[in-house]
């Protein structure tokens, strides 16, 4: 199993790109600021370049100050080049950790 960490910004940016067939087992979004922040999360199939409402799986999830939002109920099976993108309501406030394994 492997992990990747990214500091989120206000523009939807990659937090994980599959480099083969992988399973994402859990994602953590940690708000290190002293105020609540909103999170948007997108899944894009390989070859798509723009995160839009068709790719959105979580919208405006509020993460309380100094709290962590965990996505672990469903596993995501990704093909080579599939992307997970995220953005938040303020820069330098939320970090993501994605745990994945190749299949």
PDB file of N, CA and C in Angstrom:
ATOM      1  N   UNK A   1       0.847  -1.174   0.000  1.00  0.00           N
ATOM      2  CA  UNK A   1       0.000   0.000   0.000  1.00  0.00           C
ATOM      3  C   UNK A   1       0.890   1.234   0.000  1.00  0.00           C
ATOM      4  N   UNK A   2       0.404   2.302  -0.616  1.00  0.00           N
ATOM      5  CA  UNK A   2       1.176   3.535  -0.709  1.00  0.00           C
ATOM      6  C   UNK A   2       0.273   4.724  -0.395  1.00  0.00           C
ATOM      7  N   UNK A   3       0.889   5.870  -0.130  1.00  0.00           N
ATOM      8  CA  UNK A   3       0.131   7.092   0.133  1.00  0.00           C
ATOM      9  C   UNK A   3       0.702   8.246  -0.683  1.00  0.00           C
ATOM     10  N   UNK A   4      -0.134   9.242  -0.869  1.00  0.00           N
ATOM     11  CA  UNK A   4       0.294  10.497  -1.471  1.00  0.00           C
ATOM     12  C   UNK A   4      -0.359  11.629  -0.686  1.00  0.00           C
ATOM     13  N   UNK A   5       0.379  12.726  -0.483  1.00  0.00           N
ATOM     14  CA  UNK A   5      -0.109  13.879   0.274  1.00  0.00           C
ATOM     15  C   UNK A   5      -0.055  15.127  -0.589  1.00  0.00           C
ATOM     16  N   UNK A   6      -1.104  15.953  -0.486  1.00  0.00           N
ATOM     17  CA  UNK A   6      -1.181  17.193  -1.263  1.00  0.00           C
ATOM     18  C   UNK A   6      -1.844  18.268  -0.411  1.00  0.00           C
ATOM     19  N   UNK A   7      -1.320  19.493  -0.484  1.00  0.00           N
ATOM     20  CA  UNK A   7      -1.992  20.637   0.130  1.00  0.00           C
ATOM     21  C   UNK A   7      -2.986  21.178  -0.892  1.00  0.00           C
ATOM     22  N   UNK A   8      -4.254  21.303  -0.503  1.00  0.00           N
ATOM     23  CA  UNK A   8      -5.298  21.711  -1.438  1.00  0.00           C
ATOM     24  C   UNK A   8      -5.343  23.224  -1.614  1.00  0.00           C
ATOM     25  N   UNK A   9      -5.837  23.617  -2.804  1.00  0.00           N
ATOM     26  CA  UNK A   9      -6.009  25.037  -3.135  1.00  0.00           C
ATOM     27  C   UNK A   9      -7.443  25.253  -3.615  1.00  0.00           C
ATOM     28  N   UNK A  10      -7.763  26.485  -3.973  1.00  0.00           N
ATOM     29  CA  UNK A  10      -9.134  26.821  -4.360  1.00  0.00           C
ATOM     30  C   UNK A  10      -9.491  26.344  -5.769  1.00  0.00           C
ATOM     31  N   UNK A  11      -8.520  25.988  -6.580  1.00  0.00           N
ATOM     32  CA  UNK A  11      -8.753  25.474  -7.931  1.00  0.00           C
ATOM     33  C   UNK A  11      -8.680  23.950  -7.878  1.00  0.00           C
ATOM     34  N   UNK A  12      -9.632  23.273  -8.509  1.00  0.00           N
ATOM     35  CA  UNK A  12      -9.633  21.804  -8.508  1.00  0.00           C
ATOM     36  C   UNK A  12      -8.340  21.284  -9.128  1.00  0.00           C
ATOM     37  N   UNK A  13      -7.555  20.580  -8.327  1.00  0.00           N
ATOM     38  CA  UNK A  13      -6.244  20.085  -8.740  1.00  0.00           C
ATOM     39  C   UNK A  13      -6.124  18.614  -8.382  1.00  0.00           C
ATOM     40  N   UNK A  14      -5.224  17.922  -9.084  1.00  0.00           N
ATOM     41  CA  UNK A  14      -5.036  16.499  -8.830  1.00  0.00           C
ATOM     42  C   UNK A  14      -4.503  16.257  -7.422  1.00  0.00           C
ATOM     43  N   UNK A  15      -5.137  15.300  -6.754  1.00  0.00           N
ATOM     44  CA  UNK A  15      -4.583  14.807  -5.493  1.00  0.00           C
ATOM     45  C   UNK A  15      -4.081  13.378  -5.674  1.00  0.00           C
ATOM     46  N   UNK A  16      -4.533  12.728  -6.760  1.00  0.00           N
ATOM     47  CA  UNK A  16      -4.032  11.391  -7.096  1.00  0.00           C
ATOM     48  C   UNK A  16      -4.331  11.107  -8.561  1.00  0.00           C
ATOM     49  N   UNK A  17      -3.332  10.558  -9.268  1.00  0.00           N
ATOM     50  CA  UNK A  17      -3.500  10.089 -10.642  1.00  0.00           C
ATOM     51  C   UNK A  17      -3.037   8.641 -10.679  1.00  0.00           C
ATOM     52  N   UNK A  18      -3.902   7.755 -11.108  1.00  0.00           N
ATOM     53  CA  UNK A  18      -3.569   6.333 -11.150  1.00  0.00           C
ATOM     54  C   UNK A  18      -2.521   6.072 -12.232  1.00  0.00           C
ATOM     55  N   UNK A  19      -1.483   5.355 -11.857  1.00  0.00           N
ATOM     56  CA  UNK A  19      -0.417   5.023 -12.812  1.00  0.00           C
ATOM     57  C   UNK A  19      -0.473   3.542 -13.176  1.00  0.00           C
ATOM     58  N   UNK A  20      -1.638   2.990 -13.119  1.00  0.00           N
ATOM     59  CA  UNK A  20      -1.912   1.587 -13.416  1.00  0.00           C
ATOM     60  C   UNK A  20      -3.292   1.311 -12.865  1.00  0.00           C
ATOM     61  N   UNK A  21      -3.672   0.080 -12.751  1.00  0.00           N
ATOM     62  CA  UNK A  21      -4.938  -0.237 -12.109  1.00  0.00           C
ATOM     63  C   UNK A  21      -4.711  -0.227 -10.605  1.00  0.00           C
ATOM     64  N   UNK A  22      -5.449   0.633  -9.896  1.00  0.00           N
ATOM     65  CA  UNK A  22      -5.262   0.792  -8.462  1.00  0.00           C
ATOM     66  C   UNK A  22      -6.605   0.819  -7.744  1.00  0.00           C
ATOM     67  N   UNK A  23      -6.547   0.559  -6.452  1.00  0.00           N
ATOM     68  CA  UNK A  23      -7.699   0.706  -5.576  1.00  0.00           C
ATOM     69  C   UNK A  23      -7.344   1.760  -4.532  1.00  0.00           C
ATOM     70  N   UNK A  24      -8.191   2.776  -4.430  1.00  0.00           N
ATOM     71  CA  UNK A  24      -8.038   3.775  -3.378  1.00  0.00           C
ATOM     72  C   UNK A  24      -8.867   3.295  -2.197  1.00  0.00           C
ATOM     73  N   UNK A  25      -8.187   3.069  -1.071  1.00  0.00           N
ATOM     74  CA  UNK A  25      -8.871   2.493   0.088  1.00  0.00           C
ATOM     75  C   UNK A  25      -9.408   3.547   1.051  1.00  0.00           C
ATOM     76  N   UNK A  26      -8.726   4.692   1.147  1.00  0.00           N
ATOM     77  CA  UNK A  26      -9.169   5.734   2.069  1.00  0.00           C
ATOM     78  C   UNK A  26      -8.571   7.075   1.648  1.00  0.00           C
ATOM     79  N   UNK A  27      -9.318   8.144   1.908  1.00  0.00           N
ATOM     80  CA  UNK A  27      -8.827   9.509   1.688  1.00  0.00           C
ATOM     81  C   UNK A  27      -9.112  10.317   2.950  1.00  0.00           C
ATOM     82  N   UNK A  28      -8.117  11.082   3.391  1.00  0.00           N
ATOM     83  CA  UNK A  28      -8.245  11.958   4.553  1.00  0.00           C
ATOM     84  C   UNK A  28      -8.096  13.398   4.091  1.00  0.00           C
ATOM     85  N   UNK A  29      -8.935  14.277   4.641  1.00  0.00           N
ATOM     86  CA  UNK A  29      -8.854  15.703   4.355  1.00  0.00           C
ATOM     87  C   UNK A  29      -8.794  16.425   5.694  1.00  0.00           C
ATOM     88  N   UNK A  30      -7.617  16.942   6.021  1.00  0.00           N
ATOM     89  CA  UNK A  30      -7.351  17.519   7.332  1.00  0.00           C
ATOM     90  C   UNK A  30      -7.331  19.044   7.251  1.00  0.00           C
ATOM     91  N   UNK A  31      -8.249  19.668   7.959  1.00  0.00           N
ATOM     92  CA  UNK A  31      -8.316  21.129   8.030  1.00  0.00           C
ATOM     93  C   UNK A  31      -7.450  21.587   9.196  1.00  0.00           C
ATOM     94  N   UNK A  32      -6.316  22.193   8.889  1.00  0.00           N
ATOM     95  CA  UNK A  32      -5.387  22.638   9.923  1.00  0.00           C
ATOM     96  C   UNK A  32      -5.605  24.092  10.336  1.00  0.00           C
ATOM     97  N   UNK A  33      -6.637  24.720   9.780  1.00  0.00           N
ATOM     98  CA  UNK A  33      -6.878  26.132  10.093  1.00  0.00           C
ATOM     99  C   UNK A  33      -7.833  26.265  11.277  1.00  0.00           C
ATOM    100  N   UNK A  34      -8.046  27.485  11.697  1.00  0.00           N
ATOM    101  CA  UNK A  34      -8.900  27.764  12.859  1.00  0.00           C
ATOM    102  C   UNK A  34     -10.337  28.093  12.468  1.00  0.00           C
ATOM    103  N   UNK A  35     -10.672  27.967  11.183  1.00  0.00           N
ATOM    104  CA  UNK A  35     -12.048  28.184  10.712  1.00  0.00           C
ATOM    105  C   UNK A  35     -12.453  27.039   9.789  1.00  0.00           C
ATOM    106  N   UNK A  36     -13.757  26.808   9.667  1.00  0.00           N
ATOM    107  CA  UNK A  36     -14.276  25.749   8.799  1.00  0.00           C
ATOM    108  C   UNK A  36     -13.952  26.043   7.333  1.00  0.00           C
ATOM    109  N   UNK A  37     -13.735  25.000   6.569  1.00  0.00           N
ATOM    110  CA  UNK A  37     -13.478  25.105   5.125  1.00  0.00           C
ATOM    111  C   UNK A  37     -14.381  24.128   4.392  1.00  0.00           C
ATOM    112  N   UNK A  38     -14.728  24.458   3.144  1.00  0.00           N
ATOM    113  CA  UNK A  38     -15.557  23.592   2.310  1.00  0.00           C
ATOM    114  C   UNK A  38     -14.699  22.851   1.301  1.00  0.00           C
ATOM    115  N   UNK A  39     -15.038  21.576   1.079  1.00  0.00           N
ATOM    116  CA  UNK A  39     -14.299  20.684   0.189  1.00  0.00           C
ATOM    117  C   UNK A  39     -15.186  20.229  -0.962  1.00  0.00           C
ATOM    118  N   UNK A  40     -14.621  20.190  -2.167  1.00  0.00           N
ATOM    119  CA  UNK A  40     -15.251  19.573  -3.339  1.00  0.00           C
ATOM    120  C   UNK A  40     -14.316  18.492  -3.837  1.00  0.00           C
ATOM    121  N   UNK A  41     -14.890  17.346  -4.240  1.00  0.00           N
ATOM    122  CA  UNK A  41     -14.096  16.204  -4.679  1.00  0.00           C
ATOM    123  C   UNK A  41     -14.643  15.690  -6.006  1.00  0.00           C
ATOM    124  N   UNK A  42     -13.725  15.384  -6.945  1.00  0.00           N
ATOM    125  CA  UNK A  42     -14.087  14.976  -8.300  1.00  0.00           C
ATOM    126  C   UNK A  42     -13.349  13.702  -8.696  1.00  0.00           C
ATOM    127  N   UNK A  43     -14.009  12.845  -9.493  1.00  0.00           N
ATOM    128  CA  UNK A  43     -13.381  11.679 -10.117  1.00  0.00           C
ATOM    129  C   UNK A  43     -13.445  11.864 -11.622  1.00  0.00           C
ATOM    130  N   UNK A  44     -12.288  11.867 -12.268  1.00  0.00           N
ATOM    131  CA  UNK A  44     -12.222  12.066 -13.712  1.00  0.00           C
ATOM    132  C   UNK A  44     -11.652  10.837 -14.391  1.00  0.00           C
ATOM    133  N   UNK A  45     -12.358  10.307 -15.408  1.00  0.00           N
ATOM    134  CA  UNK A  45     -11.791   9.199 -16.164  1.00  0.00           C
ATOM    135  C   UNK A  45     -10.593   9.671 -16.979  1.00  0.00           C
ATOM    136  N   UNK A  46      -9.725   8.760 -17.295  1.00  0.00           N
ATOM    137  CA  UNK A  46      -8.537   9.070 -18.089  1.00  0.00           C
ATOM    138  C   UNK A  46      -8.929   9.819 -19.358  1.00  0.00           C
ATOM    139  N   UNK A  47      -8.168  10.855 -19.674  1.00  0.00           N
ATOM    140  CA  UNK A  47      -8.417  11.639 -20.876  1.00  0.00           C
ATOM    141  C   UNK A  47      -9.267  12.869 -20.657  1.00  0.00           C
ATOM    142  N   UNK A  48      -9.899  13.015 -19.504  1.00  0.00           N
ATOM    143  CA  UNK A  48     -10.680  14.204 -19.193  1.00  0.00           C
ATOM    144  C   UNK A  48      -9.780  15.211 -18.503  1.00  0.00           C
ATOM    145  N   UNK A  49      -9.890  16.474 -18.899  1.00  0.00           N
ATOM    146  CA  UNK A  49      -9.009  17.500 -18.359  1.00  0.00           C
ATOM    147  C   UNK A  49      -9.692  18.504 -17.446  1.00  0.00           C
ATOM    148  N   UNK A  50     -11.026  18.546 -17.446  1.00  0.00           N
ATOM    149  CA  UNK A  50     -11.719  19.581 -16.695  1.00  0.00           C
ATOM    150  C   UNK A  50     -12.644  18.966 -15.659  1.00  0.00           C
ATOM    151  N   UNK A  51     -12.417  19.301 -14.399  1.00  0.00           N
ATOM    152  CA  UNK A  51     -13.312  18.858 -13.333  1.00  0.00           C
ATOM    153  C   UNK A  51     -14.578  19.705 -13.399  1.00  0.00           C
ATOM    154  N   UNK A  52     -15.734  19.052 -13.570  1.00  0.00           N
ATOM    155  CA  UNK A  52     -16.997  19.775 -13.609  1.00  0.00           C
ATOM    156  C   UNK A  52     -18.049  18.981 -12.844  1.00  0.00           C
ATOM    157  N   UNK A  53     -19.294  19.454 -12.881  1.00  0.00           N
ATOM    158  CA  UNK A  53     -20.344  18.814 -12.084  1.00  0.00           C
ATOM    159  C   UNK A  53     -20.574  17.366 -12.486  1.00  0.00           C
ATOM    160  N   UNK A  54     -20.274  16.994 -13.715  1.00  0.00           N
ATOM    161  CA  UNK A  54     -20.439  15.602 -14.147  1.00  0.00           C
ATOM    162  C   UNK A  54     -19.469  14.666 -13.430  1.00  0.00           C
ATOM    163  N   UNK A  55     -18.360  15.210 -12.909  1.00  0.00           N
ATOM    164  CA  UNK A  55     -17.335  14.407 -12.239  1.00  0.00           C
ATOM    165  C   UNK A  55     -17.369  14.537 -10.716  1.00  0.00           C
ATOM    166  N   UNK A  56     -18.249  15.391 -10.203  1.00  0.00           N
ATOM    167  CA  UNK A  56     -18.240  15.703  -8.770  1.00  0.00           C
ATOM    168  C   UNK A  56     -18.896  14.593  -7.955  1.00  0.00           C
ATOM    169  N   UNK A  57     -18.210  14.163  -6.880  1.00  0.00           N
ATOM    170  CA  UNK A  57     -18.784  13.145  -5.989  1.00  0.00           C
ATOM    171  C   UNK A  57     -19.073  13.692  -4.588  1.00  0.00           C
ATOM    172  N   UNK A  58     -18.429  14.772  -4.197  1.00  0.00           N
ATOM    173  CA  UNK A  58     -18.730  15.476  -2.945  1.00  0.00           C
ATOM    174  C   UNK A  58     -18.750  16.965  -3.260  1.00  0.00           C
ATOM    175  N   UNK A  59     -19.770  17.682  -2.756  1.00  0.00           N
ATOM    176  CA  UNK A  59     -19.892  19.114  -3.018  1.00  0.00           C
ATOM    177  C   UNK A  59     -20.059  19.871  -1.702  1.00  0.00           C
ATOM    178  N   UNK A  60     -19.203  20.854  -1.522  1.00  0.00           N
ATOM    179  CA  UNK A  60     -19.271  21.762  -0.367  1.00  0.00           C
ATOM    180  C   UNK A  60     -19.400  21.038   0.974  1.00  0.00           C
ATOM    181  N   UNK A  61     -18.581  20.018   1.150  1.00  0.00           N
ATOM    182  CA  UNK A  61     -18.526  19.321   2.438  1.00  0.00           C
ATOM    183  C   UNK A  61     -17.784  20.215   3.417  1.00  0.00           C
ATOM    184  N   UNK A  62     -18.438  20.596   4.479  1.00  0.00           N
ATOM    185  CA  UNK A  62     -17.795  21.477   5.454  1.00  0.00           C
ATOM    186  C   UNK A  62     -16.939  20.660   6.415  1.00  0.00           C
ATOM    187  N   UNK A  63     -15.676  21.055   6.513  1.00  0.00           N
ATOM    188  CA  UNK A  63     -14.746  20.435   7.452  1.00  0.00           C
ATOM    189  C   UNK A  63     -14.494  21.453   8.560  1.00  0.00           C
ATOM    190  N   UNK A  64     -14.863  21.101   9.753  1.00  0.00           N
ATOM    191  CA  UNK A  64     -14.713  22.012  10.899  1.00  0.00           C
ATOM    192  C   UNK A  64     -13.245  22.352  11.131  1.00  0.00           C
ATOM    193  N   UNK A  65     -13.012  23.456  11.808  1.00  0.00           N
ATOM    194  CA  UNK A  65     -11.649  23.862  12.162  1.00  0.00           C
ATOM    195  C   UNK A  65     -10.957  22.745  12.921  1.00  0.00           C
ATOM    196  N   UNK A  66      -9.705  22.486  12.568  1.00  0.00           N
ATOM    197  CA  UNK A  66      -8.884  21.483  13.247  1.00  0.00           C
ATOM    198  C   UNK A  66      -9.525  20.092  13.269  1.00  0.00           C
ATOM    199  N   UNK A  67     -10.230  19.747  12.184  1.00  0.00           N
ATOM    200  CA  UNK A  67     -10.894  18.449  12.097  1.00  0.00           C
ATOM    201  C   UNK A  67     -10.493  17.760  10.793  1.00  0.00           C
ATOM    202  N   UNK A  68     -10.842  16.477  10.672  1.00  0.00           N
ATOM    203  CA  UNK A  68     -10.513  15.693   9.488  1.00  0.00           C
ATOM    204  C   UNK A  68     -11.772  15.018   8.957  1.00  0.00           C
ATOM    205  N   UNK A  69     -11.967  15.119   7.647  1.00  0.00           N
ATOM    206  CA  UNK A  69     -13.052  14.417   6.956  1.00  0.00           C
ATOM    207  C   UNK A  69     -12.444  13.184   6.301  1.00  0.00           C
ATOM    208  N   UNK A  70     -13.061  12.014   6.530  1.00  0.00           N
ATOM    209  CA  UNK A  70     -12.519  10.750   6.036  1.00  0.00           C
ATOM    210  C   UNK A  70     -13.494  10.128   5.049  1.00  0.00           C
ATOM    211  N   UNK A  71     -12.973   9.716   3.890  1.00  0.00           N
ATOM    212  CA  UNK A  71     -13.757   8.995   2.886  1.00  0.00           C
ATOM    213  C   UNK A  71     -13.226   7.569   2.876  1.00  0.00           C
ATOM    214  N   UNK A  72     -14.003   6.645   3.483  1.00  0.00           N
ATOM    215  CA  UNK A  72     -13.523   5.268   3.578  1.00  0.00           C
ATOM    216  C   UNK A  72     -14.617   4.211   3.454  1.00  0.00           C
ATOM    217  N   UNK A  73     -15.838   4.619   3.168  1.00  0.00           N
ATOM    218  CA  UNK A  73     -16.938   3.657   3.105  1.00  0.00           C
ATOM    219  C   UNK A  73     -16.916   2.811   1.828  1.00  0.00           C
ATOM    220  N   UNK A  74     -16.485   3.380   0.722  1.00  0.00           N
ATOM    221  CA  UNK A  74     -16.426   2.674  -0.552  1.00  0.00           C
ATOM    222  C   UNK A  74     -15.000   2.736  -1.082  1.00  0.00           C
ATOM    223  N   UNK A  75     -14.578   1.674  -1.708  1.00  0.00           N
ATOM    224  CA  UNK A  75     -13.256   1.647  -2.338  1.00  0.00           C
ATOM    225  C   UNK A  75     -13.416   2.099  -3.785  1.00  0.00           C
ATOM    226  N   UNK A  76     -12.445   2.836  -4.301  1.00  0.00           N
ATOM    227  CA  UNK A  76     -12.471   3.313  -5.678  1.00  0.00           C
ATOM    228  C   UNK A  76     -11.500   2.490  -6.516  1.00  0.00           C
ATOM    229  N   UNK A  77     -11.994   1.869  -7.572  1.00  0.00           N
ATOM    230  CA  UNK A  77     -11.149   1.113  -8.492  1.00  0.00           C
ATOM    231  C   UNK A  77     -10.869   2.024  -9.673  1.00  0.00           C
ATOM    232  N   UNK A  78      -9.578   2.338  -9.899  1.00  0.00           N
ATOM    233  CA  UNK A  78      -9.187   3.288 -10.936  1.00  0.00           C
ATOM    234  C   UNK A  78      -8.332   2.606 -11.987  1.00  0.00           C
ATOM    235  N   UNK A  79      -8.540   3.005 -13.242  1.00  0.00           N
ATOM    236  CA  UNK A  79      -7.711   2.534 -14.347  1.00  0.00           C
ATOM    237  C   UNK A  79      -6.550   3.502 -14.541  1.00  0.00           C
ATOM    238  N   UNK A  80      -5.596   3.117 -15.347  1.00  0.00           N
ATOM    239  CA  UNK A  80      -4.448   3.956 -15.643  1.00  0.00           C
ATOM    240  C   UNK A  80      -4.905   5.322 -16.154  1.00  0.00           C
ATOM    241  N   UNK A  81      -4.431   6.393 -15.525  1.00  0.00           N
ATOM    242  CA  UNK A  81      -4.740   7.751 -15.950  1.00  0.00           C
ATOM    243  C   UNK A  81      -5.972   8.366 -15.313  1.00  0.00           C
ATOM    244  N   UNK A  82      -6.791   7.579 -14.610  1.00  0.00           N
ATOM    245  CA  UNK A  82      -7.928   8.160 -13.896  1.00  0.00           C
ATOM    246  C   UNK A  82      -7.403   9.103 -12.814  1.00  0.00           C
ATOM    247  N   UNK A  83      -8.169  10.159 -12.532  1.00  0.00           N
ATOM    248  CA  UNK A  83      -7.704  11.202 -11.614  1.00  0.00           C
ATOM    249  C   UNK A  83      -8.706  11.467 -10.501  1.00  0.00           C
ATOM    250  N   UNK A  84      -8.183  11.791  -9.341  1.00  0.00           N
ATOM    251  CA  UNK A  84      -8.994  12.336  -8.254  1.00  0.00           C
ATOM    252  C   UNK A  84      -8.530  13.776  -8.070  1.00  0.00           C
ATOM    253  N   UNK A  85      -9.482  14.696  -8.125  1.00  0.00           N
ATOM    254  CA  UNK A  85      -9.176  16.118  -7.931  1.00  0.00           C
ATOM    255  C   UNK A  85      -9.993  16.658  -6.775  1.00  0.00           C
ATOM    256  N   UNK A  86      -9.472  17.715  -6.169  1.00  0.00           N
ATOM    257  CA  UNK A  86     -10.178  18.353  -5.063  1.00  0.00           C
ATOM    258  C   UNK A  86      -9.858  19.839  -5.037  1.00  0.00           C
ATOM    259  N   UNK A  87     -10.750  20.591  -4.433  1.00  0.00           N
ATOM    260  CA  UNK A  87     -10.474  21.987  -4.133  1.00  0.00           C
ATOM    261  C   UNK A  87     -11.182  22.350  -2.844  1.00  0.00           C
ATOM    262  N   UNK A  88     -10.708  23.427  -2.221  1.00  0.00           N
ATOM    263  CA  UNK A  88     -11.267  23.900  -0.955  1.00  0.00           C
ATOM    264  C   UNK A  88     -11.531  25.397  -1.038  1.00  0.00           C
ATOM    265  N   UNK A  89     -12.225  25.898  -0.032  1.00  0.00           N
ATOM    266  CA  UNK A  89     -12.645  27.297  -0.040  1.00  0.00           C
ATOM    267  C   UNK A  89     -11.545  28.292   0.300  1.00  0.00           C
ATOM    268  N   UNK A  90     -10.364  27.826   0.739  1.00  0.00           N
ATOM    269  CA  UNK A  90      -9.246  28.722   1.032  1.00  0.00           C
ATOM    270  C   UNK A  90      -7.934  27.961   0.873  1.00  0.00           C
ATOM    271  N   UNK A  91      -6.941  28.616   0.300  1.00  0.00           N
ATOM    272  CA  UNK A  91      -5.624  28.001   0.128  1.00  0.00           C
ATOM    273  C   UNK A  91      -4.942  27.759   1.467  1.00  0.00           C
ATOM    274  N   UNK A  92      -4.022  26.800   1.479  1.00  0.00           N
ATOM    275  CA  UNK A  92      -3.146  26.531   2.628  1.00  0.00           C
ATOM    276  C   UNK A  92      -3.906  26.244   3.916  1.00  0.00           C
ATOM    277  N   UNK A  93      -5.040  25.545   3.795  1.00  0.00           N
ATOM    278  CA  UNK A  93      -5.814  25.242   4.998  1.00  0.00           C
ATOM    279  C   UNK A  93      -6.097  23.748   5.151  1.00  0.00           C
ATOM    280  N   UNK A  94      -6.163  23.016   4.032  1.00  0.00           N
ATOM    281  CA  UNK A  94      -6.550  21.607   4.074  1.00  0.00           C
ATOM    282  C   UNK A  94      -5.521  20.769   3.321  1.00  0.00           C
ATOM    283  N   UNK A  95      -5.134  19.656   3.921  1.00  0.00           N
ATOM    284  CA  UNK A  95      -4.242  18.712   3.250  1.00  0.00           C
ATOM    285  C   UNK A  95      -5.004  17.424   2.993  1.00  0.00           C
ATOM    286  N   UNK A  96      -4.611  16.735   1.901  1.00  0.00           N
ATOM    287  CA  UNK A  96      -5.232  15.451   1.595  1.00  0.00           C
ATOM    288  C   UNK A  96      -4.194  14.355   1.685  1.00  0.00           C
ATOM    289  N   UNK A  97      -4.633  13.199   2.115  1.00  0.00           N
ATOM    290  CA  UNK A  97      -3.814  11.985   2.100  1.00  0.00           C
ATOM    291  C   UNK A  97      -4.648  10.908   1.447  1.00  0.00           C
ATOM    292  N   UNK A  98      -4.093  10.297   0.385  1.00  0.00           N
ATOM    293  CA  UNK A  98      -4.784   9.234  -0.343  1.00  0.00           C
ATOM    294  C   UNK A  98      -3.973   7.966  -0.164  1.00  0.00           C
ATOM    295  N   UNK A  99      -4.649   6.894   0.275  1.00  0.00           N
ATOM    296  CA  UNK A  99      -4.003   5.605   0.421  1.00  0.00           C
ATOM    297  C   UNK A  99      -4.501   4.680  -0.690  1.00  0.00           C
ATOM    298  N   UNK A 100      -3.562   4.042  -1.402  1.00  0.00           N
ATOM    299  CA  UNK A 100      -3.937   3.233  -2.567  1.00  0.00           C
ATOM    300  C   UNK A 100      -3.043   2.000  -2.667  1.00  0.00           C
ATOM    301  N   UNK A 101      -3.498   1.049  -3.468  1.00  0.00           N
ATOM    302  CA  UNK A 101      -2.735  -0.172  -3.720  1.00  0.00           C
ATOM    303  C   UNK A 101      -2.947  -0.595  -5.163  1.00  0.00           C
ATOM    304  N   UNK A 102      -1.892  -1.068  -5.809  1.00  0.00           N
ATOM    305  CA  UNK A 102      -2.000  -1.562  -7.178  1.00  0.00           C
ATOM    306  C   UNK A 102      -2.685  -2.910  -7.220  1.00  0.00           C
ATOM    307  N   UNK A 103      -3.409  -3.129  -8.324  1.00  0.00           N
ATOM    308  CA  UNK A 103      -4.074  -4.445  -8.495  1.00  0.00           C
ATOM    309  C   UNK A 103      -3.683  -5.059  -9.835  1.00  0.00           C
TER     310      UNK A 103
END
